[in-house]
C-alpha atoms as a PDB file:
ATOM      1  CA  UNK A   1      54.151  14.519 -35.156  1.00  0.00           C
ATOM      2  CA  UNK A   2      52.291  13.727 -38.506  1.00  0.00           C
ATOM      3  CA  UNK A   3      49.275  15.456 -40.490  1.00  0.00           C
ATOM      4  CA  UNK A   4      46.350  13.483 -39.062  1.00  0.00           C
ATOM      5  CA  UNK A   5      47.481  13.649 -35.257  1.00  0.00           C
ATOM      6  CA  UNK A   6      47.093  17.564 -35.319  1.00  0.00           C
ATOM      7  CA  UNK A   7      43.756  17.270 -33.644  1.00  0.00           C
ATOM      8  CA  UNK A   8      44.097  14.221 -31.142  1.00  0.00           C
ATOM      9  CA  UNK A   9      45.748  15.791 -27.031  1.00  0.00           C
ATOM     10  CA  UNK A  10      48.620  13.333 -25.629  1.00  0.00           C
ATOM     11  CA  UNK A  11      46.808  10.407 -23.280  1.00  0.00           C
ATOM     12  CA  UNK A  12      48.797  12.717 -19.909  1.00  0.00           C
ATOM     13  CA  UNK A  13      47.440  16.108 -21.073  1.00  0.00           C
ATOM     14  CA  UNK A  14      44.670  15.903 -18.038  1.00  0.00           C
ATOM     15  CA  UNK A  15      40.720  16.972 -17.997  1.00  0.00           C
ATOM     16  CA  UNK A  16      39.227  19.843 -20.161  1.00  0.00           C
ATOM     17  CA  UNK A  17      37.443  22.248 -18.002  1.00  0.00           C
ATOM     18  CA  UNK A  18      34.368  21.639 -19.966  1.00  0.00           C
ATOM     19  CA  UNK A  19      34.735  18.004 -18.692  1.00  0.00           C
ATOM     20  CA  UNK A  20      35.756  19.089 -15.425  1.00  0.00           C
ATOM     21  CA  UNK A  21      32.263  20.921 -15.392  1.00  0.00           C
ATOM     22  CA  UNK A  22      29.969  18.887 -16.629  1.00  0.00           C
ATOM     23  CA  UNK A  23      31.146  15.738 -13.868  1.00  0.00           C
ATOM     24  CA  UNK A  24      30.983  17.429 -11.335  1.00  0.00           C
ATOM     25  CA  UNK A  25      27.266  18.610 -12.526  1.00  0.00           C
ATOM     26  CA  UNK A  26      26.214  14.926 -12.496  1.00  0.00           C
ATOM     27  CA  UNK A  27      27.951  14.589  -9.266  1.00  0.00           C
ATOM     28  CA  UNK A  28      25.864  17.585  -7.700  1.00  0.00           C
ATOM     29  CA  UNK A  29      22.660  16.016  -8.647  1.00  0.00           C
ATOM     30  CA  UNK A  30      22.727  12.492  -7.556  1.00  0.00           C
ATOM     31  CA  UNK A  31      23.772  14.040  -4.608  1.00  0.00           C
ATOM     32  CA  UNK A  32      20.907  15.925  -4.164  1.00  0.00           C
ATOM     33  CA  UNK A  33      18.903  12.480  -5.191  1.00  0.00           C
ATOM     34  CA  UNK A  34      20.370  10.530  -2.669  1.00  0.00           C
ATOM     35  CA  UNK A  35      19.915  13.182   0.561  1.00  0.00           C
ATOM     36  CA  UNK A  36      16.309  14.141  -1.153  1.00  0.00           C
ATOM     37  CA  UNK A  37      15.512   9.997  -0.562  1.00  0.00           C
ATOM     38  CA  UNK A  38      17.618   9.388   2.646  1.00  0.00           C
ATOM     39  CA  UNK A  39      15.335  12.675   3.832  1.00  0.00           C
ATOM     40  CA  UNK A  40      12.186  11.230   2.586  1.00  0.00           C
ATOM     41  CA  UNK A  41      13.390   7.375   4.547  1.00  0.00           C
ATOM     42  CA  UNK A  42      14.273   9.055   8.041  1.00  0.00           C
ATOM     43  CA  UNK A  43      10.567  11.515   8.187  1.00  0.00           C
ATOM     44  CA  UNK A  44       8.118   8.280   6.647  1.00  0.00           C
ATOM     45  CA  UNK A  45      10.456   5.922   9.579  1.00  0.00           C
ATOM     46  CA  UNK A  46       9.652   8.438  12.242  1.00  0.00           C
ATOM     47  CA  UNK A  47       6.056   8.710  11.674  1.00  0.00           C
ATOM     48  CA  UNK A  48       5.235   5.020  11.275  1.00  0.00           C
ATOM     49  CA  UNK A  49       7.318   4.121  14.409  1.00  0.00           C
ATOM     50  CA  UNK A  50       4.657   6.540  16.314  1.00  0.00           C
ATOM     51  CA  UNK A  51       1.765   4.810  14.329  1.00  0.00           C
ATOM     52  CA  UNK A  52       3.397   1.588  15.417  1.00  0.00           C
ATOM     53  CA  UNK A  53       3.683   2.427  18.584  1.00  0.00           C
ATOM     54  CA  UNK A  54       0.131   3.210  18.841  1.00  0.00           C
ATOM     55  CA  UNK A  55      -1.348   0.524  17.514  1.00  0.00           C
ATOM     56  CA  UNK A  56       0.618  -1.304  19.811  1.00  0.00           C
ATOM     57  CA  UNK A  57      -0.922   0.176  23.097  1.00  0.00           C
ATOM     58  CA  UNK A  58      -3.659  -0.626  21.673  1.00  0.00           C
ATOM     59  CA  UNK A  59      -3.444  -4.202  21.039  1.00  0.00           C
ATOM     60  CA  UNK A  60      -1.759  -4.613  24.586  1.00  0.00           C
ATOM     61  CA  UNK A  61      -4.799  -2.522  26.120  1.00  0.00           C
ATOM     62  CA  UNK A  62      -7.779  -4.957  24.639  1.00  0.00           C
ATOM     63  CA  UNK A  63      -5.534  -7.771  24.937  1.00  0.00           C
ATOM     64  CA  UNK A  64      -5.175  -7.283  29.056  1.00  0.00           C
ATOM     65  CA  UNK A  65      -8.954  -6.282  29.346  1.00  0.00           C
ATOM     66  CA  UNK A  66     -10.047  -9.516  28.179  1.00  0.00           C
ATOM     67  CA  UNK A  67      -7.987 -11.510  29.838  1.00  0.00           C
ATOM     68  CA  UNK A  68      -9.198  -9.123  33.017  1.00  0.00           C
ATOM     69  CA  UNK A  69     -12.492 -10.424  32.071  1.00  0.00           C
ATOM     70  CA  UNK A  70     -12.089 -13.671  31.203  1.00  0.00           C
ATOM     71  CA  UNK A  71     -11.165 -14.337  35.011  1.00  0.00           C
ATOM     72  CA  UNK A  72     -14.116 -11.855  36.244  1.00  0.00           C
ATOM     73  CA  UNK A  73     -15.962 -13.354  39.508  1.00  0.00           C
ATOM     74  CA  UNK A  74     -19.913 -13.144  39.227  1.00  0.00           C
ATOM     75  CA  UNK A  75     -22.071 -10.476  40.798  1.00  0.00           C
ATOM     76  CA  UNK A  76     -18.862  -7.752  40.754  1.00  0.00           C
ATOM     77  CA  UNK A  77     -19.290  -5.804  37.654  1.00  0.00           C
ATOM     78  CA  UNK A  78     -20.794  -2.266  38.168  1.00  0.00           C
ATOM     79  CA  UNK A  79     -20.424   0.048  35.718  1.00  0.00           C
ATOM     80  CA  UNK A  80     -18.754   4.079  37.144  1.00  0.00           C
ATOM     81  CA  UNK A  81     -17.999   7.303  35.509  1.00  0.00           C
ATOM     82  CA  UNK A  82     -16.274   6.270  32.640  1.00  0.00           C
ATOM     83  CA  UNK A  83     -15.445   3.107  33.069  1.00  0.00           C
ATOM     84  CA  UNK A  84     -16.111  -0.296  34.503  1.00  0.00           C
ATOM     85  CA  UNK A  85     -14.650  -1.903  37.833  1.00  0.00           C
ATOM     86  CA  UNK A  86     -15.092  -5.476  38.372  1.00  0.00           C
ATOM     87  CA  UNK A  87     -13.192  -8.794  41.140  1.00  0.00           C
ATOM     88  CA  UNK A  88     -10.645 -11.057  39.493  1.00  0.00           C
ATOM     89  CA  UNK A  89     -10.032 -14.075  40.266  1.00  0.00           C
ATOM     90  CA  UNK A  90      -7.524 -14.491  43.085  1.00  0.00           C
ATOM     91  CA  UNK A  91      -9.189 -11.178  45.201  1.00  0.00           C
ATOM     92  CA  UNK A  92      -7.706  -8.813  42.798  1.00  0.00           C
ATOM     93  CA  UNK A  93     -10.534  -5.298  42.263  1.00  0.00           C
ATOM     94  CA  UNK A  94      -9.613  -3.728  38.233  1.00  0.00           C
ATOM     95  CA  UNK A  95     -11.213  -0.099  37.454  1.00  0.00           C
ATOM     96  CA  UNK A  96     -10.703   0.337  33.581  1.00  0.00           C
ATOM     97  CA  UNK A  97     -11.463   4.413  33.340  1.00  0.00           C
ATOM     98  CA  UNK A  98     -10.654   6.790  31.227  1.00  0.00           C
ATOM     99  CA  UNK A  99      -8.606  10.178  32.818  1.00  0.00           C
ATOM    100  CA  UNK A 100      -7.282  12.643  31.185  1.00  0.00           C
ATOM    101  CA  UNK A 101      -7.630  10.903  28.045  1.00  0.00           C
ATOM    102  CA  UNK A 102      -5.591   8.515  29.645  1.00  0.00           C
ATOM    103  CA  UNK A 103      -7.641   5.011  29.408  1.00  0.00           C
ATOM    104  CA  UNK A 104      -5.887   3.345  32.602  1.00  0.00           C
ATOM    105  CA  UNK A 105      -6.133  -0.184  34.297  1.00  0.00           C
ATOM    106  CA  UNK A 106      -6.477   1.051  38.683  1.00  0.00           C
ATOM    107  CA  UNK A 107      -5.664  -2.333  40.329  1.00  0.00           C
ATOM    108  CA  UNK A 108      -6.620  -2.660  44.558  1.00  0.00           C
ATOM    109  CA  UNK A 109      -7.159  -5.373  46.966  1.00  0.00           C
ATOM    110  CA  UNK A 110     -10.603  -6.256  48.287  1.00  0.00           C
ATOM    111  CA  UNK A 111     -10.166  -3.425  50.958  1.00  0.00           C
ATOM    112  CA  UNK A 112      -9.011  -0.496  48.256  1.00  0.00           C
ATOM    113  CA  UNK A 113      -5.411  -0.310  48.590  1.00  0.00           C
ATOM    114  CA  UNK A 114      -4.117   0.428  45.211  1.00  0.00           C
ATOM    115  CA  UNK A 115      -1.606  -2.030  44.205  1.00  0.00           C
ATOM    116  CA  UNK A 116      -0.565  -1.113  40.617  1.00  0.00           C
ATOM    117  CA  UNK A 117      -2.233   2.203  38.602  1.00  0.00           C
ATOM    118  CA  UNK A 118      -1.064   1.769  34.837  1.00  0.00           C
ATOM    119  CA  UNK A 119      -1.841   4.016  32.192  1.00  0.00           C
ATOM    120  CA  UNK A 120      -3.179   1.938  28.327  1.00  0.00           C
ATOM    121  CA  UNK A 121      -3.738   3.928  25.891  1.00  0.00           C
ATOM    122  CA  UNK A 122      -2.833   8.108  25.779  1.00  0.00           C
ATOM    123  CA  UNK A 123      -4.914  10.098  23.434  1.00  0.00           C
ATOM    124  CA  UNK A 124      -7.696   8.985  23.818  1.00  0.00           C
ATOM    125  CA  UNK A 125     -11.273  11.171  22.649  1.00  0.00           C
ATOM    126  CA  UNK A 126     -13.742   8.684  23.923  1.00  0.00           C
ATOM    127  CA  UNK A 127     -14.546   5.348  25.435  1.00  0.00           C
ATOM    128  CA  UNK A 128     -17.520   3.485  25.364  1.00  0.00           C
ATOM    129  CA  UNK A 129     -18.809   0.122  27.487  1.00  0.00           C
ATOM    130  CA  UNK A 130     -21.751  -1.084  26.989  1.00  0.00           C
ATOM    131  CA  UNK A 131     -22.879  -4.410  28.524  1.00  0.00           C
ATOM    132  CA  UNK A 132     -25.352  -7.671  26.847  1.00  0.00           C
ATOM    133  CA  UNK A 133     -27.790  -8.825  28.622  1.00  0.00           C
ATOM    134  CA  UNK A 134     -29.193 -11.395  26.658  1.00  0.00           C
ATOM    135  CA  UNK A 135     -29.930 -10.544  23.240  1.00  0.00           C
ATOM    136  CA  UNK A 136     -30.225  -7.062  24.425  1.00  0.00           C
ATOM    137  CA  UNK A 137     -26.952  -4.495  24.790  1.00  0.00           C
ATOM    138  CA  UNK A 138     -27.277  -2.088  28.044  1.00  0.00           C
ATOM    139  CA  UNK A 139     -25.593   0.990  28.623  1.00  0.00           C
ATOM    140  CA  UNK A 140     -25.602   0.886  31.848  1.00  0.00           C
ATOM    141  CA  UNK A 141     -24.626  -1.563  34.914  1.00  0.00           C
ATOM    142  CA  UNK A 142     -26.658  -3.162  36.750  1.00  0.00           C
ATOM    143  CA  UNK A 143     -29.902  -2.365  34.947  1.00  0.00           C
ATOM    144  CA  UNK A 144     -32.053  -0.437  36.550  1.00  0.00           C
ATOM    145  CA  UNK A 145     -34.600  -3.235  37.079  1.00  0.00           C
ATOM    146  CA  UNK A 146     -32.218  -4.301  39.676  1.00  0.00           C
ATOM    147  CA  UNK A 147     -33.700  -4.706  43.632  1.00  0.00           C
ATOM    148  CA  UNK A 148     -31.681  -2.621  46.194  1.00  0.00           C
ATOM    149  CA  UNK A 149     -30.869  -4.759  49.045  1.00  0.00           C
ATOM    150  CA  UNK A 150     -30.013  -7.594  47.297  1.00  0.00           C
ATOM    151  CA  UNK A 151     -26.162  -7.553  46.093  1.00  0.00           C
ATOM    152  CA  UNK A 152     -25.566  -7.359  42.186  1.00  0.00           C
ATOM    153  CA  UNK A 153     -27.161  -9.353  39.477  1.00  0.00           C
ATOM    154  CA  UNK A 154     -25.027 -11.871  37.546  1.00  0.00           C
ATOM    155  CA  UNK A 155     -22.617 -10.171  35.224  1.00  0.00           C
ATOM    156  CA  UNK A 156     -23.369  -9.747  31.612  1.00  0.00           C
ATOM    157  CA  UNK A 157     -22.425 -12.119  28.904  1.00  0.00           C
ATOM    158  CA  UNK A 158     -20.197 -10.087  27.602  1.00  0.00           C
ATOM    159  CA  UNK A 159     -18.982  -7.120  27.694  1.00  0.00           C
ATOM    160  CA  UNK A 160     -18.043  -4.624  24.345  1.00  0.00           C
ATOM    161  CA  UNK A 161     -15.416  -1.465  24.449  1.00  0.00           C
ATOM    162  CA  UNK A 162     -15.420   0.946  22.180  1.00  0.00           C
ATOM    163  CA  UNK A 163     -12.337   3.057  22.207  1.00  0.00           C
ATOM    164  CA  UNK A 164     -11.891   6.396  19.601  1.00  0.00           C
ATOM    165  CA  UNK A 165      -8.484   7.810  18.727  1.00  0.00           C
ATOM    166  CA  UNK A 166      -6.943   9.894  16.310  1.00  0.00           C
ATOM    167  CA  UNK A 167      -6.444   7.068  13.751  1.00  0.00           C
ATOM    168  CA  UNK A 168      -9.808   5.684  13.914  1.00  0.00           C
ATOM    169  CA  UNK A 169     -12.273   3.779  16.238  1.00  0.00           C
ATOM    170  CA  UNK A 170     -11.506  -0.245  18.246  1.00  0.00           C
ATOM    171  CA  UNK A 171     -14.145  -1.805  19.264  1.00  0.00           C
ATOM    172  CA  UNK A 172     -13.572  -5.324  20.673  1.00  0.00           C
ATOM    173  CA  UNK A 173     -16.663  -7.535  22.564  1.00  0.00           C
ATOM    174  CA  UNK A 174     -15.386  -9.607  25.402  1.00  0.00           C
ATOM    175  CA  UNK A 175     -16.509 -12.357  26.711  1.00  0.00           C
ATOM    176  CA  UNK A 176     -17.605 -13.156  30.528  1.00  0.00           C
ATOM    177  CA  UNK A 177     -17.658 -16.244  32.562  1.00  0.00           C
ATOM    178  CA  UNK A 178     -21.949 -17.199  33.295  1.00  0.00           C
ATOM    179  CA  UNK A 179     -22.701 -16.680  36.647  1.00  0.00           C
ATOM    180  CA  UNK A 180     -24.571 -19.353  38.060  1.00  0.00           C
ATOM    181  CA  UNK A 181     -28.245 -17.906  39.308  1.00  0.00           C
END
């Protein structure tokens, strides 16, 4: 050994305890940060999935109401409790109503036999229906001025549906086919 080589380590002597402790501390910090990030991503994903599912239900329901309204037969629409009933082309009676916090679509034949009862939107706080008669929105249909004994009046020009859920409120207006008086 030369005099200048006294403070030099041998290349095969290994790692000191302090170096090992520093490496373990850095590894622990990186592991903790990675776990925290993964946990946050998983929580965000679960919240997003629930919201996306609710949004999908809402969009499907509005699409279905729109399709059914576009095929409503003339002089068939009636407001019923928390919902609306009408006959759709093809001889199918539809009823949309809020039951136990769920907006439901009941499908029956003209004799009243239930063919399907479909839950559309869950966790609904409120449903409001309005009816466009000429230029005026009415809260009930048929209008109070309807003469008894002459059947139902022509359908309104449009049907408005307002649905309140935990995330807010959605309003859609559905045009109805024009009735021939």
